[in-house]
Amino acid sequence: MIRFLKRWFAGAKDADGEDLLSKVRKGPIPRHVAIIMDGNGRWAKKRGLPRVAGHREGMNTVREITRAADELGIEILTLYSFSTENWKRPREEVDYLMRLPQEFLHTDLDELVRRNVQVRMIGDETHLPDHTRSAIRQFQEATRNNTGLILNFALNYGSRDEILRAVRRIIEDVQSGKMDKDAVDEAVMNRYLYTAGLPDPDLVIRTSGEIRISNFMLWQLAYSELWFTNVSWPEFRRDHFFRAIEDYQHRSRRFGAV
């Protein structure tokens, strides 16, 4: 607890001693930031701890970065929490990850409501345990009318699965006469994705040194800025987050134009 408080209250400073939060606020703030939260298991292994200890510590980082995103005025924070491929992991680890929404519900719901945060989920709910779906629905119901930061958990999410699901639904609607095949364009495709109604991520952050997308929002990331760090997710701090935003602010986003 002491370690967490130290990292929470320590002000992030740049080389000149300027408060990073104040500095970043002066530049353009991305509307939508997505994070591939990687390295929990490796963080735990380095310390001789079970993998679930890394996920437990990673939840502290989720809280810290959610608060930081809220303070910056970011509109959407999407966190890649559990992929469709993660079911291959050890049963004990999967069971723990499926219990995390319940734990998060009991410890963090009041603060999220107080901060006007709206909780959403993207992914396939059908294969989630009942207790996981129940916790998610409680989050969604309790925060449905909140108008601040959208905290968007990608849970049992895989982008290829999402795209195939969207294509099948479009085919069904074309075959049933609900839609003309010539009307199918990018805007229509967007409406059939889990992220319907949300802008594409402006910035994607991946922790723990891996430099790949790992089946995450393949359609939506067409023009997103990518930022990678060797820092594992349990060690990722507000200052790392602010530096990612600062780097984003110095990039030129041309979307294929000159």
C-alpha atoms as a PDB file:
ATOM      1  CA  MET A   1       0.000   0.000   0.000  1.00  0.00           C
ATOM      2  CA  ILE A   2       2.845   2.398   0.876  1.00  0.00           C
ATOM      3  CA  ARG A   3       4.531   1.644  -2.443  1.00  0.00           C
ATOM      4  CA  PHE A   4       1.299   2.366  -4.323  1.00  0.00           C
ATOM      5  CA  LEU A   5       0.766   5.673  -2.510  1.00  0.00           C
ATOM      6  CA  LYS A   6       4.333   6.749  -3.228  1.00  0.00           C
ATOM      7  CA  ARG A   7       3.905   6.124  -6.925  1.00  0.00           C
ATOM      8  CA  TRP A   8       0.469   7.821  -6.926  1.00  0.00           C
ATOM      9  CA  PHE A   9       1.525  11.034  -5.214  1.00  0.00           C
ATOM     10  CA  ALA A  10       4.950  11.376  -6.839  1.00  0.00           C
ATOM     11  CA  GLY A  11       4.638  14.203  -9.370  1.00  0.00           C
ATOM     12  CA  ALA A  12       5.832  13.275 -12.852  1.00  0.00           C
ATOM     13  CA  LYS A  13       8.520  15.755 -13.906  1.00  0.00           C
ATOM     14  CA  ASP A  14      10.335  16.270 -17.171  1.00  0.00           C
ATOM     15  CA  ALA A  15      14.064  17.027 -17.463  1.00  0.00           C
ATOM     16  CA  ASP A  16      13.454  20.704 -16.710  1.00  0.00           C
ATOM     17  CA  GLY A  17      11.350  19.970 -13.653  1.00  0.00           C
ATOM     18  CA  GLU A  18       8.079  21.034 -15.284  1.00  0.00           C
ATOM     19  CA  ASP A  19       5.029  19.093 -14.187  1.00  0.00           C
ATOM     20  CA  LEU A  20       4.280  16.675 -17.036  1.00  0.00           C
ATOM     21  CA  LEU A  21       0.529  16.810 -16.556  1.00  0.00           C
ATOM     22  CA  SER A  22       0.533  20.602 -16.956  1.00  0.00           C
ATOM     23  CA  LYS A  23       2.890  20.372 -19.922  1.00  0.00           C
ATOM     24  CA  VAL A  24       0.831  17.734 -21.741  1.00  0.00           C
ATOM     25  CA  ARG A  25      -2.373  19.703 -21.161  1.00  0.00           C
ATOM     26  CA  LYS A  26      -0.960  22.476 -23.365  1.00  0.00           C
ATOM     27  CA  GLY A  27      -0.939  20.230 -26.442  1.00  0.00           C
ATOM     28  CA  PRO A  28      -3.610  18.320 -28.393  1.00  0.00           C
ATOM     29  CA  ILE A  29      -5.149  15.563 -26.282  1.00  0.00           C
ATOM     30  CA  PRO A  30      -6.040  12.307 -28.071  1.00  0.00           C
ATOM     31  CA  ARG A  31      -9.756  11.534 -27.911  1.00  0.00           C
ATOM     32  CA  HIS A  32      -9.253   7.779 -27.730  1.00  0.00           C
ATOM     33  CA  VAL A  33      -6.271   5.961 -26.207  1.00  0.00           C
ATOM     34  CA  ALA A  34      -6.048   2.162 -26.368  1.00  0.00           C
ATOM     35  CA  ILE A  35      -3.576   0.140 -24.313  1.00  0.00           C
ATOM     36  CA  ILE A  36      -2.302  -3.418 -24.746  1.00  0.00           C
ATOM     37  CA  MET A  37      -1.530  -4.175 -21.108  1.00  0.00           C
ATOM     38  CA  ASP A  38       1.354  -6.635 -21.412  1.00  0.00           C
ATOM     39  CA  GLY A  39       3.900  -8.082 -19.000  1.00  0.00           C
ATOM     40  CA  ASN A  40       1.954  -9.008 -15.867  1.00  0.00           C
ATOM     41  CA  GLY A  41       3.123 -12.620 -15.883  1.00  0.00           C
ATOM     42  CA  ARG A  42       6.755 -11.791 -16.653  1.00  0.00           C
ATOM     43  CA  TRP A  43       6.761  -9.140 -13.931  1.00  0.00           C
ATOM     44  CA  ALA A  44       5.628 -11.767 -11.423  1.00  0.00           C
ATOM     45  CA  LYS A  45       8.046 -14.435 -12.671  1.00  0.00           C
ATOM     46  CA  LYS A  46      11.039 -12.106 -12.222  1.00  0.00           C
ATOM     47  CA  ARG A  47      10.045 -11.771  -8.564  1.00  0.00           C
ATOM     48  CA  GLY A  48       9.418 -15.443  -7.972  1.00  0.00           C
ATOM     49  CA  LEU A  49       5.674 -14.833  -7.642  1.00  0.00           C
ATOM     50  CA  PRO A  50       2.714 -16.636  -9.233  1.00  0.00           C
ATOM     51  CA  ARG A  51       1.409 -15.079 -12.456  1.00  0.00           C
ATOM     52  CA  VAL A  52      -1.805 -13.981 -10.737  1.00  0.00           C
ATOM     53  CA  ALA A  53       0.283 -11.674  -8.527  1.00  0.00           C
ATOM     54  CA  GLY A  54       1.221  -9.775 -11.688  1.00  0.00           C
ATOM     55  CA  HIS A  55      -2.428  -9.381 -12.638  1.00  0.00           C
ATOM     56  CA  ARG A  56      -3.240  -8.184  -9.130  1.00  0.00           C
ATOM     57  CA  GLU A  57      -0.522  -5.539  -9.340  1.00  0.00           C
ATOM     58  CA  GLY A  58      -1.656  -4.694 -12.853  1.00  0.00           C
ATOM     59  CA  MET A  59      -5.052  -3.717 -11.460  1.00  0.00           C
ATOM     60  CA  ASN A  60      -3.354  -0.961  -9.463  1.00  0.00           C
ATOM     61  CA  THR A  61      -1.967   0.341 -12.742  1.00  0.00           C
ATOM     62  CA  VAL A  62      -5.449   0.229 -14.290  1.00  0.00           C
ATOM     63  CA  ARG A  63      -6.666   2.481 -11.476  1.00  0.00           C
ATOM     64  CA  GLU A  64      -3.737   4.865 -11.826  1.00  0.00           C
ATOM     65  CA  ILE A  65      -3.971   5.220 -15.608  1.00  0.00           C
ATOM     66  CA  THR A  66      -7.757   5.570 -15.522  1.00  0.00           C
ATOM     67  CA  ARG A  67      -7.368   8.495 -13.107  1.00  0.00           C
ATOM     68  CA  ALA A  68      -4.644  10.025 -15.286  1.00  0.00           C
ATOM     69  CA  ALA A  69      -6.772   9.720 -18.434  1.00  0.00           C
ATOM     70  CA  ASP A  70      -9.693  11.291 -16.609  1.00  0.00           C
ATOM     71  CA  GLU A  71      -7.534  14.203 -15.433  1.00  0.00           C
ATOM     72  CA  LEU A  72      -6.332  14.820 -19.006  1.00  0.00           C
ATOM     73  CA  GLY A  73      -9.850  14.904 -20.400  1.00  0.00           C
ATOM     74  CA  ILE A  74      -9.372  11.886 -22.665  1.00  0.00           C
ATOM     75  CA  GLU A  75     -12.769  10.746 -23.946  1.00  0.00           C
ATOM     76  CA  ILE A  76     -12.177   6.981 -24.290  1.00  0.00           C
ATOM     77  CA  LEU A  77      -9.655   4.649 -22.677  1.00  0.00           C
ATOM     78  CA  THR A  78      -9.777   1.126 -24.108  1.00  0.00           C
ATOM     79  CA  LEU A  79      -7.869  -1.566 -22.200  1.00  0.00           C
ATOM     80  CA  TYR A  80      -7.080  -4.933 -23.804  1.00  0.00           C
ATOM     81  CA  SER A  81      -7.942  -7.070 -20.806  1.00  0.00           C
ATOM     82  CA  PHE A  82      -8.436 -10.611 -22.117  1.00  0.00           C
ATOM     83  CA  SER A  83      -8.092 -11.874 -25.674  1.00  0.00           C
ATOM     84  CA  THR A  84      -9.876 -14.752 -27.391  1.00  0.00           C
ATOM     85  CA  GLU A  85      -6.501 -16.513 -27.351  1.00  0.00           C
ATOM     86  CA  ASN A  86      -5.999 -16.113 -23.589  1.00  0.00           C
ATOM     87  CA  TRP A  87      -8.242 -19.110 -22.854  1.00  0.00           C
ATOM     88  CA  LYS A  88      -5.145 -21.219 -23.639  1.00  0.00           C
ATOM     89  CA  ARG A  89      -3.486 -20.022 -20.427  1.00  0.00           C
ATOM     90  CA  PRO A  90      -3.370 -22.121 -17.223  1.00  0.00           C
ATOM     91  CA  ARG A  91      -6.811 -22.708 -15.701  1.00  0.00           C
ATOM     92  CA  GLU A  92      -5.883 -21.032 -12.394  1.00  0.00           C
ATOM     93  CA  GLU A  93      -4.806 -17.874 -14.198  1.00  0.00           C
ATOM     94  CA  VAL A  94      -7.919 -17.762 -16.395  1.00  0.00           C
ATOM     95  CA  ASP A  95     -10.186 -18.285 -13.383  1.00  0.00           C
ATOM     96  CA  TYR A  96      -8.482 -15.409 -11.566  1.00  0.00           C
ATOM     97  CA  LEU A  97      -8.809 -13.089 -14.559  1.00  0.00           C
ATOM     98  CA  MET A  98     -12.504 -13.933 -14.827  1.00  0.00           C
ATOM     99  CA  ARG A  99     -12.954 -12.976 -11.148  1.00  0.00           C
ATOM    100  CA  LEU A 100     -11.254  -9.597 -11.549  1.00  0.00           C
ATOM    101  CA  PRO A 101     -14.399  -7.761 -12.752  1.00  0.00           C
ATOM    102  CA  GLN A 102     -16.141  -8.785  -9.509  1.00  0.00           C
ATOM    103  CA  GLU A 103     -13.203  -7.579  -7.425  1.00  0.00           C
ATOM    104  CA  PHE A 104     -13.029  -4.331  -9.405  1.00  0.00           C
ATOM    105  CA  LEU A 105     -16.777  -3.875  -8.904  1.00  0.00           C
ATOM    106  CA  HIS A 106     -16.478  -3.988  -5.113  1.00  0.00           C
ATOM    107  CA  THR A 107     -13.370  -1.819  -4.826  1.00  0.00           C
ATOM    108  CA  ASP A 108     -13.753   0.770  -7.587  1.00  0.00           C
ATOM    109  CA  LEU A 109     -17.363   1.278  -8.631  1.00  0.00           C
ATOM    110  CA  ASP A 110     -18.014   4.119  -6.178  1.00  0.00           C
ATOM    111  CA  GLU A 111     -14.984   6.073  -7.390  1.00  0.00           C
ATOM    112  CA  LEU A 112     -15.886   5.539 -11.053  1.00  0.00           C
ATOM    113  CA  VAL A 113     -19.396   6.832 -10.403  1.00  0.00           C
ATOM    114  CA  ARG A 114     -17.985   9.791  -8.480  1.00  0.00           C
ATOM    115  CA  ARG A 115     -15.619  10.579 -11.363  1.00  0.00           C
ATOM    116  CA  ASN A 116     -18.490  10.403 -13.880  1.00  0.00           C
ATOM    117  CA  VAL A 117     -16.777   7.494 -15.724  1.00  0.00           C
ATOM    118  CA  GLN A 118     -18.886   5.273 -17.963  1.00  0.00           C
ATOM    119  CA  VAL A 119     -17.821   1.602 -18.116  1.00  0.00           C
ATOM    120  CA  ARG A 120     -18.275  -0.355 -21.342  1.00  0.00           C
ATOM    121  CA  MET A 121     -17.098  -3.673 -22.733  1.00  0.00           C
ATOM    122  CA  ILE A 122     -16.221  -4.851 -26.223  1.00  0.00           C
ATOM    123  CA  GLY A 123     -15.861  -8.553 -26.998  1.00  0.00           C
ATOM    124  CA  ASP A 124     -17.853 -11.774 -27.022  1.00  0.00           C
ATOM    125  CA  GLU A 125     -19.782 -12.111 -23.761  1.00  0.00           C
ATOM    126  CA  THR A 126     -21.266 -15.493 -24.613  1.00  0.00           C
ATOM    127  CA  HIS A 127     -18.295 -17.548 -23.388  1.00  0.00           C
ATOM    128  CA  LEU A 128     -17.724 -15.583 -20.178  1.00  0.00           C
ATOM    129  CA  PRO A 129     -18.685 -17.122 -16.822  1.00  0.00           C
ATOM    130  CA  ASP A 130     -21.996 -15.965 -15.359  1.00  0.00           C
ATOM    131  CA  HIS A 131     -20.304 -14.134 -12.478  1.00  0.00           C
ATOM    132  CA  THR A 132     -18.106 -12.208 -14.914  1.00  0.00           C
ATOM    133  CA  ARG A 133     -21.056 -11.170 -17.084  1.00  0.00           C
ATOM    134  CA  SER A 134     -23.019 -10.197 -13.987  1.00  0.00           C
ATOM    135  CA  ALA A 135     -20.243  -7.911 -12.728  1.00  0.00           C
ATOM    136  CA  ILE A 136     -19.893  -6.271 -16.141  1.00  0.00           C
ATOM    137  CA  ARG A 137     -23.622  -5.620 -16.352  1.00  0.00           C
ATOM    138  CA  GLN A 138     -23.619  -4.079 -12.888  1.00  0.00           C
ATOM    139  CA  PHE A 139     -20.813  -1.753 -13.967  1.00  0.00           C
ATOM    140  CA  GLN A 140     -22.647  -0.810 -17.130  1.00  0.00           C
ATOM    141  CA  GLU A 141     -25.961  -0.210 -15.394  1.00  0.00           C
ATOM    142  CA  ALA A 142     -24.460   1.843 -12.556  1.00  0.00           C
ATOM    143  CA  THR A 143     -22.479   4.080 -14.937  1.00  0.00           C
ATOM    144  CA  ARG A 144     -24.822   4.132 -17.947  1.00  0.00           C
ATOM    145  CA  ASN A 145     -25.759   7.799 -17.560  1.00  0.00           C
ATOM    146  CA  ASN A 146     -22.259   9.060 -16.781  1.00  0.00           C
ATOM    147  CA  THR A 147     -20.934  11.539 -19.333  1.00  0.00           C
ATOM    148  CA  GLY A 148     -17.198  11.643 -18.624  1.00  0.00           C
ATOM    149  CA  LEU A 149     -14.407   9.252 -19.594  1.00  0.00           C
ATOM    150  CA  ILE A 150     -15.539   6.035 -21.281  1.00  0.00           C
ATOM    151  CA  LEU A 151     -13.558   3.179 -19.714  1.00  0.00           C
ATOM    152  CA  ASN A 152     -13.809   0.474 -22.336  1.00  0.00           C
ATOM    153  CA  PHE A 153     -12.636  -3.046 -21.431  1.00  0.00           C
ATOM    154  CA  ALA A 154     -11.800  -5.389 -24.333  1.00  0.00           C
ATOM    155  CA  LEU A 155     -12.721  -8.720 -22.744  1.00  0.00           C
ATOM    156  CA  ASN A 156     -12.757 -12.020 -24.630  1.00  0.00           C
ATOM    157  CA  TYR A 157     -11.906  -9.810 -27.577  1.00  0.00           C
ATOM    158  CA  GLY A 158     -10.218 -10.776 -30.838  1.00  0.00           C
ATOM    159  CA  SER A 159     -10.182  -8.460 -33.825  1.00  0.00           C
ATOM    160  CA  ARG A 160     -10.349 -11.160 -36.505  1.00  0.00           C
ATOM    161  CA  ASP A 161     -13.344 -12.658 -34.708  1.00  0.00           C
ATOM    162  CA  GLU A 162     -14.914  -9.183 -34.503  1.00  0.00           C
ATOM    163  CA  ILE A 163     -14.456  -8.568 -38.239  1.00  0.00           C
ATOM    164  CA  LEU A 164     -15.817 -11.992 -39.207  1.00  0.00           C
ATOM    165  CA  ARG A 165     -18.799 -11.430 -36.914  1.00  0.00           C
ATOM    166  CA  ALA A 166     -19.480  -8.063 -38.568  1.00  0.00           C
ATOM    167  CA  VAL A 167     -19.173  -9.501 -42.099  1.00  0.00           C
ATOM    168  CA  ARG A 168     -21.581 -12.348 -41.294  1.00  0.00           C
ATOM    169  CA  ARG A 169     -24.152  -9.889 -39.908  1.00  0.00           C
ATOM    170  CA  ILE A 170     -23.818  -7.676 -42.989  1.00  0.00           C
ATOM    171  CA  ILE A 171     -24.306 -10.699 -45.274  1.00  0.00           C
ATOM    172  CA  GLU A 172     -27.408 -11.707 -43.308  1.00  0.00           C
ATOM    173  CA  ASP A 173     -28.869  -8.195 -43.610  1.00  0.00           C
ATOM    174  CA  VAL A 174     -28.116  -8.050 -47.339  1.00  0.00           C
ATOM    175  CA  GLN A 175     -29.662 -11.486 -47.944  1.00  0.00           C
ATOM    176  CA  SER A 176     -32.749 -10.602 -45.918  1.00  0.00           C
ATOM    177  CA  GLY A 177     -33.237  -7.386 -47.888  1.00  0.00           C
ATOM    178  CA  LYS A 178     -32.506  -5.042 -44.993  1.00  0.00           C
ATOM    179  CA  MET A 179     -29.554  -3.591 -46.888  1.00  0.00           C
ATOM    180  CA  ASP A 180     -28.418  -3.255 -50.479  1.00  0.00           C
ATOM    181  CA  LYS A 181     -24.967  -4.767 -51.083  1.00  0.00           C
ATOM    182  CA  ASP A 182     -23.916  -1.610 -52.948  1.00  0.00           C
ATOM    183  CA  ALA A 183     -24.544   0.398 -49.774  1.00  0.00           C
ATOM    184  CA  VAL A 184     -21.845  -1.478 -47.878  1.00  0.00           C
ATOM    185  CA  ASP A 185     -18.921   0.870 -47.239  1.00  0.00           C
ATOM    186  CA  GLU A 186     -16.520   1.715 -44.404  1.00  0.00           C
ATOM    187  CA  ALA A 187     -19.173   3.611 -42.477  1.00  0.00           C
ATOM    188  CA  VAL A 188     -21.491   0.593 -42.614  1.00  0.00           C
ATOM    189  CA  MET A 189     -18.691  -1.725 -41.499  1.00  0.00           C
ATOM    190  CA  ASN A 190     -17.987   0.551 -38.540  1.00  0.00           C
ATOM    191  CA  ARG A 191     -21.594   0.234 -37.402  1.00  0.00           C
ATOM    192  CA  TYR A 192     -21.315  -3.564 -37.220  1.00  0.00           C
ATOM    193  CA  LEU A 193     -18.136  -3.633 -35.113  1.00  0.00           C
ATOM    194  CA  TYR A 194     -18.054  -3.827 -31.305  1.00  0.00           C
ATOM    195  CA  THR A 195     -16.771  -0.246 -31.324  1.00  0.00           C
ATOM    196  CA  ALA A 196     -19.797   1.157 -33.159  1.00  0.00           C
ATOM    197  CA  GLY A 197     -20.301   4.798 -32.230  1.00  0.00           C
ATOM    198  CA  LEU A 198     -16.757   5.293 -30.940  1.00  0.00           C
ATOM    199  CA  PRO A 199     -13.956   7.113 -32.780  1.00  0.00           C
ATOM    200  CA  ASP A 200     -10.958   5.018 -33.752  1.00  0.00           C
ATOM    201  CA  PRO A 201      -8.013   5.117 -31.311  1.00  0.00           C
ATOM    202  CA  ASP A 202      -5.690   8.061 -31.871  1.00  0.00           C
ATOM    203  CA  LEU A 203      -2.927   6.445 -29.838  1.00  0.00           C
ATOM    204  CA  VAL A 204      -2.135   2.815 -29.006  1.00  0.00           C
ATOM    205  CA  ILE A 205       0.290   1.994 -26.197  1.00  0.00           C
ATOM    206  CA  ARG A 206       1.836  -1.436 -25.668  1.00  0.00           C
ATOM    207  CA  THR A 207       3.902  -2.229 -22.607  1.00  0.00           C
ATOM    208  CA  SER A 208       6.595  -4.823 -21.835  1.00  0.00           C
ATOM    209  CA  GLY A 209       8.726  -4.616 -24.962  1.00  0.00           C
ATOM    210  CA  GLU A 210       6.658  -6.565 -27.475  1.00  0.00           C
ATOM    211  CA  ILE A 211       6.287  -4.753 -30.803  1.00  0.00           C
ATOM    212  CA  ARG A 212       3.143  -6.182 -32.354  1.00  0.00           C
ATOM    213  CA  ILE A 213      -0.632  -5.631 -32.361  1.00  0.00           C
ATOM    214  CA  SER A 214      -1.689  -9.146 -31.257  1.00  0.00           C
ATOM    215  CA  ASN A 215      -5.114  -9.279 -32.924  1.00  0.00           C
ATOM    216  CA  PHE A 216      -6.223  -5.998 -31.348  1.00  0.00           C
ATOM    217  CA  MET A 217      -8.564  -3.608 -33.201  1.00  0.00           C
ATOM    218  CA  LEU A 218      -7.061  -4.377 -36.622  1.00  0.00           C
ATOM    219  CA  TRP A 219      -9.731  -2.410 -38.491  1.00  0.00           C
ATOM    220  CA  GLN A 220      -9.785   0.512 -36.070  1.00  0.00           C
ATOM    221  CA  LEU A 221      -5.991   1.006 -35.896  1.00  0.00           C
ATOM    222  CA  ALA A 222      -5.539   1.817 -39.585  1.00  0.00           C
ATOM    223  CA  TYR A 223      -4.218   5.323 -38.796  1.00  0.00           C
ATOM    224  CA  SER A 224      -3.526   5.129 -35.069  1.00  0.00           C
ATOM    225  CA  GLU A 225      -0.201   6.283 -33.671  1.00  0.00           C
ATOM    226  CA  LEU A 226       1.738   3.451 -31.977  1.00  0.00           C
ATOM    227  CA  TRP A 227       3.884   3.818 -28.865  1.00  0.00           C
ATOM    228  CA  PHE A 228       5.890   0.960 -27.363  1.00  0.00           C
ATOM    229  CA  THR A 229       7.766   0.724 -24.081  1.00  0.00           C
ATOM    230  CA  ASN A 230       9.884  -1.946 -22.396  1.00  0.00           C
ATOM    231  CA  VAL A 231       8.208  -1.140 -19.075  1.00  0.00           C
ATOM    232  CA  SER A 232       5.882  -3.930 -17.928  1.00  0.00           C
ATOM    233  CA  TRP A 233       2.257  -3.076 -17.178  1.00  0.00           C
ATOM    234  CA  PRO A 234       2.573  -3.455 -13.365  1.00  0.00           C
ATOM    235  CA  GLU A 235       5.424  -0.901 -13.468  1.00  0.00           C
ATOM    236  CA  PHE A 236       3.721   1.493 -15.892  1.00  0.00           C
ATOM    237  CA  ARG A 237       3.151   4.853 -14.189  1.00  0.00           C
ATOM    238  CA  ARG A 238       1.456   8.177 -14.792  1.00  0.00           C
ATOM    239  CA  ASP A 239       4.696   9.665 -16.079  1.00  0.00           C
ATOM    240  CA  HIS A 240       5.054   6.898 -18.687  1.00  0.00           C
ATOM    241  CA  PHE A 241       1.479   7.585 -19.783  1.00  0.00           C
ATOM    242  CA  PHE A 242       2.058  11.319 -19.967  1.00  0.00           C
ATOM    243  CA  ARG A 243       5.276  10.801 -21.963  1.00  0.00           C
ATOM    244  CA  ALA A 244       3.368   8.660 -24.458  1.00  0.00           C
ATOM    245  CA  ILE A 245       0.849  11.491 -24.844  1.00  0.00           C
ATOM    246  CA  GLU A 246       3.658  14.017 -25.156  1.00  0.00           C
ATOM    247  CA  ASP A 247       5.282  11.955 -27.922  1.00  0.00           C
ATOM    248  CA  TYR A 248       1.918  11.702 -29.686  1.00  0.00           C
ATOM    249  CA  GLN A 249       1.621  15.504 -29.578  1.00  0.00           C
ATOM    250  CA  HIS A 250       4.838  15.853 -31.595  1.00  0.00           C
ATOM    251  CA  ARG A 251       3.726  13.564 -34.404  1.00  0.00           C
ATOM    252  CA  SER A 252       2.234  14.740 -37.685  1.00  0.00           C
ATOM    253  CA  ARG A 253      -0.989  12.891 -38.468  1.00  0.00           C
ATOM    254  CA  ARG A 254      -1.618  13.181 -42.220  1.00  0.00           C
ATOM    255  CA  PHE A 255      -3.976  10.213 -42.801  1.00  0.00           C
ATOM    256  CA  GLY A 256      -2.429   9.562 -46.217  1.00  0.00           C
ATOM    257  CA  ALA A 257      -2.355  13.216 -47.283  1.00  0.00           C
ATOM    258  CA  VAL A 258       0.760  15.334 -47.821  1.00  0.00           C
END
